[in-house]
Amino acid sequence: MDQDTMFSNYKDVVGMNELRIMLGKNGKRLGKHLAYNLLQTGQIKSKKIGREYAIQKTAIIKYLQQ
């Protein structure tokens, strides 16, 4: 199954909680520290709006394809 199909039930722009679910394994979420690190280092492109992150689904797919 490709990532486009795998993430089809998510909106085009997601927040931190959705990111953690999308990158988690076996029904568990990715850790908060690792998720924030991926965004802060630019490994996954995002925009910070106030206190929240806006992450394009395509940026997550691009990260997974690297």
C-alpha atoms as a PDB file:
ATOM      1  CA  MET A   1       0.000   0.000   0.000  1.00  0.00           C
ATOM      2  CA  ASP A   2       1.429   3.416  -0.909  1.00  0.00           C
ATOM      3  CA  GLN A   3       1.417   6.437   1.409  1.00  0.00           C
ATOM      4  CA  ASP A   4      -1.229   8.297  -0.615  1.00  0.00           C
ATOM      5  CA  THR A   5      -3.682   5.471  -0.013  1.00  0.00           C
ATOM      6  CA  MET A   6      -2.511   4.900   3.551  1.00  0.00           C
ATOM      7  CA  PHE A   7      -3.141   8.537   4.531  1.00  0.00           C
ATOM      8  CA  SER A   8      -6.263   9.166   2.429  1.00  0.00           C
ATOM      9  CA  ASN A   9      -8.467   9.617   5.510  1.00  0.00           C
ATOM     10  CA  TYR A  10      -6.361  12.569   6.763  1.00  0.00           C
ATOM     11  CA  LYS A  11      -6.892  16.198   5.783  1.00  0.00           C
ATOM     12  CA  ASP A  12      -4.343  17.898   3.504  1.00  0.00           C
ATOM     13  CA  VAL A  13      -2.961  19.835   6.487  1.00  0.00           C
ATOM     14  CA  VAL A  14      -2.598  18.081   9.833  1.00  0.00           C
ATOM     15  CA  GLY A  15      -1.458  18.965  13.327  1.00  0.00           C
ATOM     16  CA  MET A  16       1.011  17.416  15.733  1.00  0.00           C
ATOM     17  CA  ASN A  17      -1.379  14.717  16.987  1.00  0.00           C
ATOM     18  CA  GLU A  18      -2.138  13.506  13.483  1.00  0.00           C
ATOM     19  CA  LEU A  19       1.569  13.540  12.586  1.00  0.00           C
ATOM     20  CA  ARG A  20       2.353  11.360  15.598  1.00  0.00           C
ATOM     21  CA  ILE A  21      -0.375   8.896  14.624  1.00  0.00           C
ATOM     22  CA  MET A  22       0.677   8.815  10.962  1.00  0.00           C
ATOM     23  CA  LEU A  23       4.311   8.033  11.808  1.00  0.00           C
ATOM     24  CA  GLY A  24       3.595   5.651  14.685  1.00  0.00           C
ATOM     25  CA  LYS A  25       3.843   1.868  14.523  1.00  0.00           C
ATOM     26  CA  ASN A  26       1.438  -0.878  15.521  1.00  0.00           C
ATOM     27  CA  GLY A  27      -1.291   1.522  16.610  1.00  0.00           C
ATOM     28  CA  LYS A  28       1.049   3.549  18.835  1.00  0.00           C
ATOM     29  CA  ARG A  29       1.956   7.183  18.368  1.00  0.00           C
ATOM     30  CA  LEU A  30       5.411   8.482  17.567  1.00  0.00           C
ATOM     31  CA  GLY A  31       7.001  10.077  20.643  1.00  0.00           C
ATOM     32  CA  LYS A  32       6.463  13.810  21.201  1.00  0.00           C
ATOM     33  CA  HIS A  33      10.169  14.637  21.389  1.00  0.00           C
ATOM     34  CA  LEU A  34      10.964  12.855  18.132  1.00  0.00           C
ATOM     35  CA  ALA A  35       7.992  14.452  16.369  1.00  0.00           C
ATOM     36  CA  TYR A  36       8.986  17.963  17.496  1.00  0.00           C
ATOM     37  CA  ASN A  37      12.600  17.248  16.519  1.00  0.00           C
ATOM     38  CA  LEU A  38      11.538  16.256  12.982  1.00  0.00           C
ATOM     39  CA  LEU A  39       9.724  19.582  12.606  1.00  0.00           C
ATOM     40  CA  GLN A  40      12.298  21.805  14.298  1.00  0.00           C
ATOM     41  CA  THR A  41      15.197  20.411  12.257  1.00  0.00           C
ATOM     42  CA  GLY A  42      13.234  20.811   9.019  1.00  0.00           C
ATOM     43  CA  GLN A  43      13.219  17.104   8.188  1.00  0.00           C
ATOM     44  CA  ILE A  44       9.470  17.532   7.808  1.00  0.00           C
ATOM     45  CA  LYS A  45       8.467  20.963   6.525  1.00  0.00           C
ATOM     46  CA  SER A  46       5.844  22.775   8.592  1.00  0.00           C
ATOM     47  CA  LYS A  47       4.522  26.200   9.523  1.00  0.00           C
ATOM     48  CA  LYS A  48       4.018  27.320  13.080  1.00  0.00           C
ATOM     49  CA  ILE A  49       0.818  29.281  13.580  1.00  0.00           C
ATOM     50  CA  GLY A  50       0.686  30.643  17.089  1.00  0.00           C
ATOM     51  CA  ARG A  51       1.428  27.653  19.309  1.00  0.00           C
ATOM     52  CA  GLU A  52       0.334  25.033  16.776  1.00  0.00           C
ATOM     53  CA  TYR A  53       2.085  23.394  13.848  1.00  0.00           C
ATOM     54  CA  ALA A  54       0.460  23.090  10.425  1.00  0.00           C
ATOM     55  CA  ILE A  55       1.983  20.201   8.488  1.00  0.00           C
ATOM     56  CA  GLN A  56       1.105  19.380   4.892  1.00  0.00           C
ATOM     57  CA  LYS A  57       0.321  15.726   4.329  1.00  0.00           C
ATOM     58  CA  THR A  58       2.546  15.844   1.248  1.00  0.00           C
ATOM     59  CA  ALA A  59       5.518  16.893   3.440  1.00  0.00           C
ATOM     60  CA  ILE A  60       5.016  13.791   5.598  1.00  0.00           C
ATOM     61  CA  ILE A  61       4.814  11.556   2.520  1.00  0.00           C
ATOM     62  CA  LYS A  62       7.969  13.186   1.104  1.00  0.00           C
ATOM     63  CA  TYR A  63       9.791  12.508   4.389  1.00  0.00           C
ATOM     64  CA  LEU A  64       8.760   8.851   4.283  1.00  0.00           C
ATOM     65  CA  GLN A  65       9.946   8.459   0.703  1.00  0.00           C
ATOM     66  CA  GLN A  66      13.480   9.681   1.485  1.00  0.00           C
END
